Amino acid sequence: MVAGINWAVSRSAEDLTSALGEQLRDVIYLPDFGLAYPITLADKIDNWEAVRDLWLALHRYERPEIRRIAAGYVLP
């Protein structure tokens, strides 16, 4: 999930326009959430409220894509 969130927040305005078209969301600035790039697993645990707020700021069409990216990661 962390990799997918990092993917989503690193997208530029041009990326968002091409991916979401009319469903454009604002570019996310992590300092607005008290976070820094890249989001880490420690952030997800220690700053879970900020990560939750960030998750809710993502477009609803991005969340399934993040889950798909996360499903592709396999722990050793």
PDB file of N, CA and C in Angstrom:
ATOM      1  N   MET A   1       0.824  -1.201   0.000  1.00  0.00           N
ATOM      2  CA  MET A   1       0.000   0.000   0.000  1.00  0.00           C
ATOM      3  C   MET A   1       0.862   1.257   0.000  1.00  0.00           C
ATOM      4  N   VAL A   2       1.976   1.217   0.710  1.00  0.00           N
ATOM      5  CA  VAL A   2       2.850   2.381   0.784  1.00  0.00           C
ATOM      6  C   VAL A   2       3.375   2.738  -0.610  1.00  0.00           C
ATOM      7  N   ALA A   3       3.788   1.738  -1.378  1.00  0.00           N
ATOM      8  CA  ALA A   3       4.282   1.990  -2.735  1.00  0.00           C
ATOM      9  C   ALA A   3       3.185   2.616  -3.600  1.00  0.00           C
ATOM     10  N   GLY A   4       1.984   2.145  -3.481  1.00  0.00           N
ATOM     11  CA  GLY A   4       0.872   2.696  -4.255  1.00  0.00           C
ATOM     12  C   GLY A   4       0.543   4.122  -3.869  1.00  0.00           C
ATOM     13  N   ILE A   5       0.586   4.413  -2.585  1.00  0.00           N
ATOM     14  CA  ILE A   5       0.339   5.783  -2.133  1.00  0.00           C
ATOM     15  C   ILE A   5       1.440   6.704  -2.659  1.00  0.00           C
ATOM     16  N   ASN A   6       2.684   6.254  -2.580  1.00  0.00           N
ATOM     17  CA  ASN A   6       3.785   7.063  -3.114  1.00  0.00           C
ATOM     18  C   ASN A   6       3.618   7.303  -4.604  1.00  0.00           C
ATOM     19  N   TRP A   7       3.166   6.295  -5.328  1.00  0.00           N
ATOM     20  CA  TRP A   7       2.892   6.452  -6.762  1.00  0.00           C
ATOM     21  C   TRP A   7       1.839   7.540  -6.980  1.00  0.00           C
ATOM     22  N   ALA A   8       0.780   7.495  -6.205  1.00  0.00           N
ATOM     23  CA  ALA A   8      -0.319   8.447  -6.392  1.00  0.00           C
ATOM     24  C   ALA A   8       0.094   9.873  -6.061  1.00  0.00           C
ATOM     25  N   VAL A   9       0.828  10.051  -4.981  1.00  0.00           N
ATOM     26  CA  VAL A   9       1.174  11.420  -4.589  1.00  0.00           C
ATOM     27  C   VAL A   9       2.292  12.005  -5.435  1.00  0.00           C
ATOM     28  N   SER A  10       3.010  11.180  -6.175  1.00  0.00           N
ATOM     29  CA  SER A  10       4.087  11.696  -7.018  1.00  0.00           C
ATOM     30  C   SER A  10       3.593  12.106  -8.403  1.00  0.00           C
ATOM     31  N   ARG A  11       2.303  11.971  -8.660  1.00  0.00           N
ATOM     32  CA  ARG A  11       1.754  12.292  -9.977  1.00  0.00           C
ATOM     33  C   ARG A  11       1.639  13.802 -10.158  1.00  0.00           C
ATOM     34  N   SER A  12       2.020  14.261 -11.337  1.00  0.00           N
ATOM     35  CA  SER A  12       1.949  15.683 -11.673  1.00  0.00           C
ATOM     36  C   SER A  12       0.534  16.042 -12.127  1.00  0.00           C
ATOM     37  N   ALA A  13       0.298  17.324 -12.288  1.00  0.00           N
ATOM     38  CA  ALA A  13      -1.006  17.780 -12.771  1.00  0.00           C
ATOM     39  C   ALA A  13      -1.304  17.211 -14.154  1.00  0.00           C
ATOM     40  N   GLU A  14      -0.270  17.104 -15.006  1.00  0.00           N
ATOM     41  CA  GLU A  14      -0.467  16.547 -16.339  1.00  0.00           C
ATOM     42  C   GLU A  14      -0.849  15.070 -16.261  1.00  0.00           C
ATOM     43  N   ASP A  15      -0.180  14.327 -15.370  1.00  0.00           N
ATOM     44  CA  ASP A  15      -0.519  12.914 -15.180  1.00  0.00           C
ATOM     45  C   ASP A  15      -1.965  12.767 -14.733  1.00  0.00           C
ATOM     46  N   LEU A  16      -2.368  13.616 -13.804  1.00  0.00           N
ATOM     47  CA  LEU A  16      -3.725  13.534 -13.268  1.00  0.00           C
ATOM     48  C   LEU A  16      -4.757  13.840 -14.342  1.00  0.00           C
ATOM     49  N   THR A  17      -4.467  14.814 -15.189  1.00  0.00           N
ATOM     50  CA  THR A  17      -5.400  15.172 -16.252  1.00  0.00           C
ATOM     51  C   THR A  17      -5.576  14.015 -17.226  1.00  0.00           C
ATOM     52  N   SER A  18      -4.468  13.388 -17.607  1.00  0.00           N
ATOM     53  CA  SER A  18      -4.576  12.292 -18.570  1.00  0.00           C
ATOM     54  C   SER A  18      -5.194  11.049 -17.950  1.00  0.00           C
ATOM     55  N   ALA A  19      -4.942  10.812 -16.678  1.00  0.00           N
ATOM     56  CA  ALA A  19      -5.452   9.605 -16.032  1.00  0.00           C
ATOM     57  C   ALA A  19      -6.898   9.756 -15.591  1.00  0.00           C
ATOM     58  N   LEU A  20      -7.246  10.920 -15.078  1.00  0.00           N
ATOM     59  CA  LEU A  20      -8.570  11.085 -14.494  1.00  0.00           C
ATOM     60  C   LEU A  20      -9.504  11.943 -15.330  1.00  0.00           C
ATOM     61  N   GLY A  21      -8.961  12.616 -16.329  1.00  0.00           N
ATOM     62  CA  GLY A  21      -9.803  13.431 -17.191  1.00  0.00           C
ATOM     63  C   GLY A  21     -10.616  14.444 -16.417  1.00  0.00           C
ATOM     64  N   GLU A  22     -11.899  14.359 -16.530  1.00  0.00           N
ATOM     65  CA  GLU A  22     -12.780  15.319 -15.872  1.00  0.00           C
ATOM     66  C   GLU A  22     -12.832  15.122 -14.365  1.00  0.00           C
ATOM     67  N   GLN A  23     -12.309  14.026 -13.883  1.00  0.00           N
ATOM     68  CA  GLN A  23     -12.336  13.733 -12.460  1.00  0.00           C
ATOM     69  C   GLN A  23     -11.063  14.227 -11.762  1.00  0.00           C
ATOM     70  N   LEU A  24     -10.458  15.273 -12.297  1.00  0.00           N
ATOM     71  CA  LEU A  24      -9.190  15.783 -11.814  1.00  0.00           C
ATOM     72  C   LEU A  24      -9.252  16.170 -10.336  1.00  0.00           C
ATOM     73  N   ARG A  25      -8.250  15.753  -9.599  1.00  0.00           N
ATOM     74  CA  ARG A  25      -8.092  16.203  -8.220  1.00  0.00           C
ATOM     75  C   ARG A  25      -6.873  17.105  -8.176  1.00  0.00           C
ATOM     76  N   ASP A  26      -6.720  17.832  -7.108  1.00  0.00           N
ATOM     77  CA  ASP A  26      -5.556  18.687  -6.945  1.00  0.00           C
ATOM     78  C   ASP A  26      -4.320  17.834  -6.712  1.00  0.00           C
ATOM     79  N   VAL A  27      -3.167  18.387  -7.093  1.00  0.00           N
ATOM     80  CA  VAL A  27      -1.900  17.737  -6.768  1.00  0.00           C
ATOM     81  C   VAL A  27      -1.779  17.742  -5.246  1.00  0.00           C
ATOM     82  N   ILE A  28      -1.308  16.655  -4.706  1.00  0.00           N
ATOM     83  CA  ILE A  28      -1.196  16.527  -3.250  1.00  0.00           C
ATOM     84  C   ILE A  28       0.186  16.963  -2.797  1.00  0.00           C
ATOM     85  N   TYR A  29       0.214  17.823  -1.784  1.00  0.00           N
ATOM     86  CA  TYR A  29       1.453  18.266  -1.167  1.00  0.00           C
ATOM     87  C   TYR A  29       1.533  17.624   0.214  1.00  0.00           C
ATOM     88  N   LEU A  30       2.465  16.707   0.356  1.00  0.00           N
ATOM     89  CA  LEU A  30       2.571  15.942   1.603  1.00  0.00           C
ATOM     90  C   LEU A  30       2.752  16.805   2.846  1.00  0.00           C
ATOM     91  N   PRO A  31       3.487  17.933   2.789  1.00  0.00           N
ATOM     92  CA  PRO A  31       3.592  18.752   4.001  1.00  0.00           C
ATOM     93  C   PRO A  31       2.232  19.229   4.526  1.00  0.00           C
ATOM     94  N   ASP A  32       1.236  19.342   3.644  1.00  0.00           N
ATOM     95  CA  ASP A  32      -0.109  19.708   4.095  1.00  0.00           C
ATOM     96  C   ASP A  32      -0.682  18.670   5.054  1.00  0.00           C
ATOM     97  N   PHE A  33      -0.149  17.458   4.985  1.00  0.00           N
ATOM     98  CA  PHE A  33      -0.623  16.369   5.843  1.00  0.00           C
ATOM     99  C   PHE A  33       0.376  16.070   6.966  1.00  0.00           C
ATOM    100  N   GLY A  34       1.447  16.851   7.035  1.00  0.00           N
ATOM    101  CA  GLY A  34       2.478  16.597   8.042  1.00  0.00           C
ATOM    102  C   GLY A  34       3.361  15.418   7.677  1.00  0.00           C
ATOM    103  N   LEU A  35       3.447  15.096   6.392  1.00  0.00           N
ATOM    104  CA  LEU A  35       4.214  13.952   5.918  1.00  0.00           C
ATOM    105  C   LEU A  35       5.274  14.424   4.933  1.00  0.00           C
ATOM    106  N   ALA A  36       6.232  13.558   4.660  1.00  0.00           N
ATOM    107  CA  ALA A  36       7.277  13.842   3.676  1.00  0.00           C
ATOM    108  C   ALA A  36       7.387  12.647   2.739  1.00  0.00           C
ATOM    109  N   TYR A  37       7.872  12.927   1.518  1.00  0.00           N
ATOM    110  CA  TYR A  37       8.054  11.867   0.524  1.00  0.00           C
ATOM    111  C   TYR A  37       9.409  11.216   0.741  1.00  0.00           C
ATOM    112  N   PRO A  38       9.479   9.933   0.672  1.00  0.00           N
ATOM    113  CA  PRO A  38       8.400   8.973   0.430  1.00  0.00           C
ATOM    114  C   PRO A  38       7.705   8.581   1.730  1.00  0.00           C
ATOM    115  N   ILE A  39       6.439   8.244   1.599  1.00  0.00           N
ATOM    116  CA  ILE A  39       5.697   7.690   2.729  1.00  0.00           C
ATOM    117  C   ILE A  39       6.328   6.341   3.054  1.00  0.00           C
ATOM    118  N   THR A  40       6.495   6.057   4.319  1.00  0.00           N
ATOM    119  CA  THR A  40       7.111   4.797   4.729  1.00  0.00           C
ATOM    120  C   THR A  40       6.117   3.957   5.524  1.00  0.00           C
ATOM    121  N   LEU A  41       6.492   2.722   5.750  1.00  0.00           N
ATOM    122  CA  LEU A  41       5.662   1.861   6.590  1.00  0.00           C
ATOM    123  C   LEU A  41       5.572   2.440   8.000  1.00  0.00           C
ATOM    124  N   ALA A  42       6.664   3.031   8.467  1.00  0.00           N
ATOM    125  CA  ALA A  42       6.642   3.677   9.784  1.00  0.00           C
ATOM    126  C   ALA A  42       5.617   4.806   9.811  1.00  0.00           C
ATOM    127  N   ASP A  43       5.533   5.588   8.723  1.00  0.00           N
ATOM    128  CA  ASP A  43       4.504   6.633   8.651  1.00  0.00           C
ATOM    129  C   ASP A  43       3.115   6.029   8.754  1.00  0.00           C
ATOM    130  N   LYS A  44       2.925   4.926   8.059  1.00  0.00           N
ATOM    131  CA  LYS A  44       1.602   4.291   8.045  1.00  0.00           C
ATOM    132  C   LYS A  44       1.192   3.838   9.447  1.00  0.00           C
ATOM    133  N   ILE A  45       2.170   3.499  10.262  1.00  0.00           N
ATOM    134  CA  ILE A  45       1.886   3.050  11.627  1.00  0.00           C
ATOM    135  C   ILE A  45       1.881   4.226  12.600  1.00  0.00           C
ATOM    136  N   ASP A  46       2.979   5.002  12.596  1.00  0.00           N
ATOM    137  CA  ASP A  46       3.138   6.064  13.589  1.00  0.00           C
ATOM    138  C   ASP A  46       2.285   7.292  13.290  1.00  0.00           C
ATOM    139  N   ASN A  47       2.035   7.560  12.031  1.00  0.00           N
ATOM    140  CA  ASN A  47       1.251   8.736  11.618  1.00  0.00           C
ATOM    141  C   ASN A  47      -0.012   8.306  10.880  1.00  0.00           C
ATOM    142  N   TRP A  48      -0.656   7.272  11.404  1.00  0.00           N
ATOM    143  CA  TRP A  48      -1.771   6.667  10.697  1.00  0.00           C
ATOM    144  C   TRP A  48      -2.893   7.658  10.419  1.00  0.00           C
ATOM    145  N   GLU A  49      -3.111   8.621  11.314  1.00  0.00           N
ATOM    146  CA  GLU A  49      -4.188   9.583  11.077  1.00  0.00           C
ATOM    147  C   GLU A  49      -3.873  10.462   9.867  1.00  0.00           C
ATOM    148  N   ALA A  50      -2.614  10.895   9.736  1.00  0.00           N
ATOM    149  CA  ALA A  50      -2.215  11.704   8.587  1.00  0.00           C
ATOM    150  C   ALA A  50      -2.305  10.890   7.299  1.00  0.00           C
ATOM    151  N   VAL A  51      -1.879   9.622   7.362  1.00  0.00           N
ATOM    152  CA  VAL A  51      -1.957   8.759   6.182  1.00  0.00           C
ATOM    153  C   VAL A  51      -3.418   8.500   5.819  1.00  0.00           C
ATOM    154  N   ARG A  52      -4.273   8.335   6.810  1.00  0.00           N
ATOM    155  CA  ARG A  52      -5.711   8.165   6.542  1.00  0.00           C
ATOM    156  C   ARG A  52      -6.278   9.406   5.854  1.00  0.00           C
ATOM    157  N   ASP A  53      -5.930  10.590   6.354  1.00  0.00           N
ATOM    158  CA  ASP A  53      -6.405  11.822   5.734  1.00  0.00           C
ATOM    159  C   ASP A  53      -5.900  11.947   4.298  1.00  0.00           C
ATOM    160  N   LEU A  54      -4.652  11.542   4.080  1.00  0.00           N
ATOM    161  CA  LEU A  54      -4.083  11.533   2.740  1.00  0.00           C
ATOM    162  C   LEU A  54      -4.867  10.572   1.847  1.00  0.00           C
ATOM    163  N   TRP A  55      -5.141   9.391   2.343  1.00  0.00           N
ATOM    164  CA  TRP A  55      -5.907   8.388   1.592  1.00  0.00           C
ATOM    165  C   TRP A  55      -7.263   8.949   1.174  1.00  0.00           C
ATOM    166  N   LEU A  56      -7.915   9.644   2.091  1.00  0.00           N
ATOM    167  CA  LEU A  56      -9.223  10.212   1.793  1.00  0.00           C
ATOM    168  C   LEU A  56      -9.136  11.369   0.799  1.00  0.00           C
ATOM    169  N   ALA A  57      -7.969  12.011   0.698  1.00  0.00           N
ATOM    170  CA  ALA A  57      -7.778  13.103  -0.259  1.00  0.00           C
ATOM    171  C   ALA A  57      -7.572  12.586  -1.683  1.00  0.00           C
ATOM    172  N   LEU A  58      -7.202  11.316  -1.810  1.00  0.00           N
ATOM    173  CA  LEU A  58      -7.018  10.729  -3.133  1.00  0.00           C
ATOM    174  C   LEU A  58      -8.375  10.540  -3.797  1.00  0.00           C
ATOM    175  N   HIS A  59      -8.375  10.576  -5.094  1.00  0.00           N
ATOM    176  CA  HIS A  59      -9.616  10.408  -5.844  1.00  0.00           C
ATOM    177  C   HIS A  59     -10.122   8.977  -5.690  1.00  0.00           C
ATOM    178  N   ARG A  60     -11.403   8.817  -5.636  1.00  0.00           N
ATOM    179  CA  ARG A  60     -11.978   7.482  -5.425  1.00  0.00           C
ATOM    180  C   ARG A  60     -11.622   6.502  -6.529  1.00  0.00           C
ATOM    181  N   TYR A  61     -11.279   7.004  -7.725  1.00  0.00           N
ATOM    182  CA  TYR A  61     -10.872   6.116  -8.806  1.00  0.00           C
ATOM    183  C   TYR A  61      -9.405   5.699  -8.693  1.00  0.00           C
ATOM    184  N   GLU A  62      -8.632   6.421  -7.887  1.00  0.00           N
ATOM    185  CA  GLU A  62      -7.232   6.058  -7.686  1.00  0.00           C
ATOM    186  C   GLU A  62      -7.066   4.945  -6.658  1.00  0.00           C
ATOM    187  N   ARG A  63      -7.934   4.909  -5.697  1.00  0.00           N
ATOM    188  CA  ARG A  63      -7.793   3.929  -4.611  1.00  0.00           C
ATOM    189  C   ARG A  63      -7.758   2.487  -5.107  1.00  0.00           C
ATOM    190  N   PRO A  64      -8.639   2.061  -6.028  1.00  0.00           N
ATOM    191  CA  PRO A  64      -8.534   0.688  -6.541  1.00  0.00           C
ATOM    192  C   PRO A  64      -7.213   0.427  -7.254  1.00  0.00           C
ATOM    193  N   GLU A  65      -6.688   1.438  -7.951  1.00  0.00           N
ATOM    194  CA  GLU A  65      -5.407   1.283  -8.633  1.00  0.00           C
ATOM    195  C   GLU A  65      -4.281   1.086  -7.617  1.00  0.00           C
ATOM    196  N   ILE A  66      -4.348   1.805  -6.520  1.00  0.00           N
ATOM    197  CA  ILE A  66      -3.347   1.644  -5.453  1.00  0.00           C
ATOM    198  C   ILE A  66      -3.447   0.241  -4.864  1.00  0.00           C
ATOM    199  N   ARG A  67      -4.656  -0.219  -4.650  1.00  0.00           N
ATOM    200  CA  ARG A  67      -4.825  -1.586  -4.126  1.00  0.00           C
ATOM    201  C   ARG A  67      -4.280  -2.615  -5.108  1.00  0.00           C
ATOM    202  N   ARG A  68      -4.452  -2.363  -6.411  1.00  0.00           N
ATOM    203  CA  ARG A  68      -3.929  -3.280  -7.427  1.00  0.00           C
ATOM    204  C   ARG A  68      -2.415  -3.283  -7.391  1.00  0.00           C
ATOM    205  N   ILE A  69      -1.807  -2.118  -7.285  1.00  0.00           N
ATOM    206  CA  ILE A  69      -0.353  -2.031  -7.191  1.00  0.00           C
ATOM    207  C   ILE A  69       0.132  -2.772  -5.953  1.00  0.00           C
ATOM    208  N   ALA A  70      -0.554  -2.556  -4.834  1.00  0.00           N
ATOM    209  CA  ALA A  70      -0.163  -3.199  -3.583  1.00  0.00           C
ATOM    210  C   ALA A  70      -0.260  -4.716  -3.680  1.00  0.00           C
ATOM    211  N   ALA A  71      -1.256  -5.213  -4.389  1.00  0.00           N
ATOM    212  CA  ALA A  71      -1.422  -6.652  -4.525  1.00  0.00           C
ATOM    213  C   ALA A  71      -0.280  -7.289  -5.328  1.00  0.00           C
ATOM    214  N   GLY A  72       0.398  -6.500  -6.140  1.00  0.00           N
ATOM    215  CA  GLY A  72       1.499  -7.001  -6.950  1.00  0.00           C
ATOM    216  C   GLY A  72       2.797  -7.160  -6.172  1.00  0.00           C
ATOM    217  N   TYR A  73       2.858  -6.596  -4.983  1.00  0.00           N
ATOM    218  CA  TYR A  73       4.062  -6.698  -4.166  1.00  0.00           C
ATOM    219  C   TYR A  73       4.001  -7.959  -3.312  1.00  0.00           C
ATOM    220  N   VAL A  74       5.077  -8.706  -3.329  1.00  0.00           N
ATOM    221  CA  VAL A  74       5.142  -9.932  -2.552  1.00  0.00           C
ATOM    222  C   VAL A  74       6.307  -9.805  -1.575  1.00  0.00           C
ATOM    223  N   LEU A  75       6.017 -10.043  -0.321  1.00  0.00           N
ATOM    224  CA  LEU A  75       7.083  -9.991   0.684  1.00  0.00           C
ATOM    225  C   LEU A  75       7.930 -11.247   0.618  1.00  0.00           C
ATOM    226  N   PRO A  76       9.241 -11.088   0.831  1.00  0.00           N
ATOM    227  CA  PRO A  76      10.120 -12.272   0.785  1.00  0.00           C
ATOM    228  C   PRO A  76       9.861 -13.229   1.946  1.00  0.00           C
TER     229      PRO A  76
END
